[in-house]
C-alpha atoms as a PDB file:
ATOM      1  CA  MET A   1     -14.892  -2.402 -20.965  1.00  0.00           C
ATOM      2  CA  LYS A   2     -13.219   1.072 -20.898  1.00  0.00           C
ATOM      3  CA  VAL A   3     -10.754   0.030 -18.017  1.00  0.00           C
ATOM      4  CA  TYR A   4      -9.836  -2.989 -20.100  1.00  0.00           C
ATOM      5  CA  LEU A   5      -9.290  -0.951 -23.270  1.00  0.00           C
ATOM      6  CA  VAL A   6      -7.029   1.459 -21.349  1.00  0.00           C
ATOM      7  CA  SER A   7      -5.148  -1.326 -19.826  1.00  0.00           C
ATOM      8  CA  LEU A   8      -4.495  -2.897 -23.035  1.00  0.00           C
ATOM      9  CA  GLY A   9      -3.494   0.319 -24.453  1.00  0.00           C
ATOM     10  CA  ALA A  10      -0.998   0.866 -21.816  1.00  0.00           C
ATOM     11  CA  GLY A  11       0.436  -2.611 -22.404  1.00  0.00           C
ATOM     12  CA  ILE A  12       0.812  -1.908 -25.923  1.00  0.00           C
ATOM     13  CA  LEU A  13       2.499   1.615 -25.485  1.00  0.00           C
ATOM     14  CA  VAL A  14       4.975  -0.204 -22.978  1.00  0.00           C
ATOM     15  CA  GLY A  15       5.611  -2.971 -25.480  1.00  0.00           C
ATOM     16  CA  ILE A  16       6.303  -0.546 -28.231  1.00  0.00           C
ATOM     17  CA  ILE A  17       8.662   1.361 -25.934  1.00  0.00           C
ATOM     18  CA  TYR A  18      10.335  -2.071 -24.940  1.00  0.00           C
ATOM     19  CA  ALA A  19      10.743  -2.902 -28.614  1.00  0.00           C
ATOM     20  CA  LEU A  20      12.288   0.494 -29.684  1.00  0.00           C
ATOM     21  CA  MET A  21      14.751   0.273 -26.692  1.00  0.00           C
ATOM     22  CA  GLN A  22      15.398  -3.527 -27.647  1.00  0.00           C
ATOM     23  CA  VAL A  23      14.489  -4.630 -24.314  1.00  0.00           C
ATOM     24  CA  ARG A  24      12.828  -7.986 -23.591  1.00  0.00           C
ATOM     25  CA  SER A  25      10.035  -8.083 -21.375  1.00  0.00           C
ATOM     26  CA  PRO A  26      11.105  -8.774 -17.657  1.00  0.00           C
ATOM     27  CA  ALA A  27       9.099 -11.745 -17.406  1.00  0.00           C
ATOM     28  CA  PRO A  28       7.119 -14.367 -19.794  1.00  0.00           C
ATOM     29  CA  PRO A  29       3.289 -13.350 -19.772  1.00  0.00           C
ATOM     30  CA  ALA A  30       2.222 -16.508 -18.050  1.00  0.00           C
ATOM     31  CA  VAL A  31       4.640 -15.784 -15.151  1.00  0.00           C
ATOM     32  CA  ALA A  32       3.699 -12.018 -14.989  1.00  0.00           C
ATOM     33  CA  LEU A  33      -0.129 -12.923 -14.907  1.00  0.00           C
ATOM     34  CA  ILE A  34       0.469 -15.539 -12.160  1.00  0.00           C
ATOM     35  CA  GLY A  35       2.519 -12.947 -10.320  1.00  0.00           C
ATOM     36  CA  LEU A  36      -0.405 -10.265 -10.675  1.00  0.00           C
ATOM     37  CA  LEU A  37      -2.936 -13.007  -9.398  1.00  0.00           C
ATOM     38  CA  GLY A  38      -0.597 -13.510  -6.274  1.00  0.00           C
ATOM     39  CA  MET A  39      -0.630  -9.724  -5.722  1.00  0.00           C
ATOM     40  CA  LEU A  40      -4.262  -9.565  -5.854  1.00  0.00           C
ATOM     41  CA  ILE A  41      -4.686 -12.129  -3.395  1.00  0.00           C
ATOM     42  CA  GLY A  42      -1.804 -11.013  -1.220  1.00  0.00           C
ATOM     43  CA  GLU A  43      -3.720  -7.663  -0.970  1.00  0.00           C
ATOM     44  CA  GLN A  44      -6.922  -9.349   0.418  1.00  0.00           C
ATOM     45  CA  VAL A  45      -4.953 -11.166   3.105  1.00  0.00           C
ATOM     46  CA  VAL A  46      -4.794  -7.836   5.186  1.00  0.00           C
ATOM     47  CA  PRO A  47      -8.239  -6.878   5.500  1.00  0.00           C
ATOM     48  CA  PRO A  48      -9.630 -10.179   7.017  1.00  0.00           C
ATOM     49  CA  ILE A  49      -6.541  -9.867   9.652  1.00  0.00           C
ATOM     50  CA  LYS A  50      -7.344  -6.318  10.571  1.00  0.00           C
ATOM     51  CA  ARG A  51     -11.002  -7.362  11.031  1.00  0.00           C
ATOM     52  CA  MET A  52      -9.987 -10.332  13.157  1.00  0.00           C
ATOM     53  CA  MET A  53      -7.527  -8.126  15.508  1.00  0.00           C
ATOM     54  CA  ALA A  54     -10.509  -5.836  15.870  1.00  0.00           C
ATOM     55  CA  GLY A  55     -12.473  -8.705  17.223  1.00  0.00           C
ATOM     56  CA  GLU A  56     -14.924  -8.593  14.294  1.00  0.00           C
ATOM     57  CA  PRO A  57     -16.070 -11.954  12.571  1.00  0.00           C
ATOM     58  CA  VAL A  58     -14.804 -12.854   9.222  1.00  0.00           C
ATOM     59  CA  THR A  59     -17.895 -14.480   7.245  1.00  0.00           C
ATOM     60  CA  THR A  60     -18.169 -16.007   4.079  1.00  0.00           C
ATOM     61  CA  ALA A  61     -20.654 -13.381   3.076  1.00  0.00           C
ATOM     62  CA  TRP A  62     -18.228 -10.433   4.483  1.00  0.00           C
ATOM     63  CA  PHE A  63     -15.272 -12.079   2.139  1.00  0.00           C
ATOM     64  CA  ARG A  64     -17.649 -12.380  -0.715  1.00  0.00           C
ATOM     65  CA  THR A  65     -18.629  -8.815  -0.663  1.00  0.00           C
ATOM     66  CA  GLU A  66     -15.225  -7.200   0.408  1.00  0.00           C
ATOM     67  CA  CYS A  67     -12.758  -9.356  -0.909  1.00  0.00           C
ATOM     68  CA  VAL A  68     -13.849 -11.532  -3.767  1.00  0.00           C
ATOM     69  CA  PRO A  69     -15.021  -8.563  -6.112  1.00  0.00           C
ATOM     70  CA  LYS A  70     -11.499  -6.909  -5.559  1.00  0.00           C
ATOM     71  CA  ILE A  71      -9.710 -10.234  -6.552  1.00  0.00           C
ATOM     72  CA  THR A  72     -11.999 -11.020  -9.606  1.00  0.00           C
ATOM     73  CA  GLY A  73     -12.885  -7.440 -10.779  1.00  0.00           C
ATOM     74  CA  THR A  74     -16.469  -8.320 -10.748  1.00  0.00           C
ATOM     75  CA  PRO A  75     -19.244  -6.105  -8.883  1.00  0.00           C
ATOM     76  CA  PRO A  76     -20.284  -7.329  -5.366  1.00  0.00           C
ATOM     77  CA  PRO A  77     -23.940  -9.294  -5.451  1.00  0.00           C
ATOM     78  CA  ALA A  78     -26.495  -6.381  -5.583  1.00  0.00           C
ATOM     79  CA  THR A  79     -28.661  -7.981  -2.718  1.00  0.00           C
ATOM     80  CA  LEU A  80     -25.770  -7.844  -0.256  1.00  0.00           C
ATOM     81  CA  VAL A  81     -24.621  -4.239  -1.204  1.00  0.00           C
ATOM     82  CA  ALA A  82     -28.352  -2.926  -0.952  1.00  0.00           C
ATOM     83  CA  ARG A  83     -28.356  -4.321   2.383  1.00  0.00           C
ATOM     84  CA  ARG A  84     -25.119  -3.073   3.684  1.00  0.00           C
ATOM     85  CA  ASP A  85     -25.715   0.146   2.232  1.00  0.00           C
ATOM     86  CA  ALA A  86     -29.116   0.694   3.399  1.00  0.00           C
ATOM     87  CA  PRO A  87     -30.030   2.907   6.340  1.00  0.00           C
ATOM     88  CA  ASP A  88     -31.799   1.331   9.161  1.00  0.00           C
ATOM     89  CA  ASP A  89     -35.243   2.333   8.503  1.00  0.00           C
ATOM     90  CA  LYS A  90     -34.843   1.139   4.742  1.00  0.00           C
ATOM     91  CA  ALA A  91     -33.256  -2.155   5.502  1.00  0.00           C
ATOM     92  CA  PRO A  92     -35.410  -5.209   4.920  1.00  0.00           C
ATOM     93  CA  GLU A  93     -37.181  -6.578   7.980  1.00  0.00           C
ATOM     94  CA  SER A  94     -34.904  -9.456   8.609  1.00  0.00           C
ATOM     95  CA  ASP A  95     -31.882  -7.027   8.926  1.00  0.00           C
ATOM     96  CA  ARG A  96     -33.434  -4.544  11.140  1.00  0.00           C
ATOM     97  CA  PRO A  97     -32.314  -4.553  14.852  1.00  0.00           C
ATOM     98  CA  ALA A  98     -34.729  -5.603  17.440  1.00  0.00           C
ATOM     99  CA  HIS A  99     -35.831  -2.701  19.863  1.00  0.00           C
END
């Protein structure tokens, strides 16, 4: 919530500065928001390409944990993060490598 308030405050401050300088916003709000969405999506095009070039698979689960949270601003699903961050001896039985 704090991030949203800081973002709103920064936007209001820039709006005040624009008004004092008698400058119009460079883009209508809807156009600016669509542009920001495009930037977020564009940022997430590079990681899958890098992963494919390294010969690693791009799975739906990987995309959901690595890319979707960065686009939507929501945290990744806890179960997937817990599995990814768990050391081998703490990982669930299904995720442990066979010896």
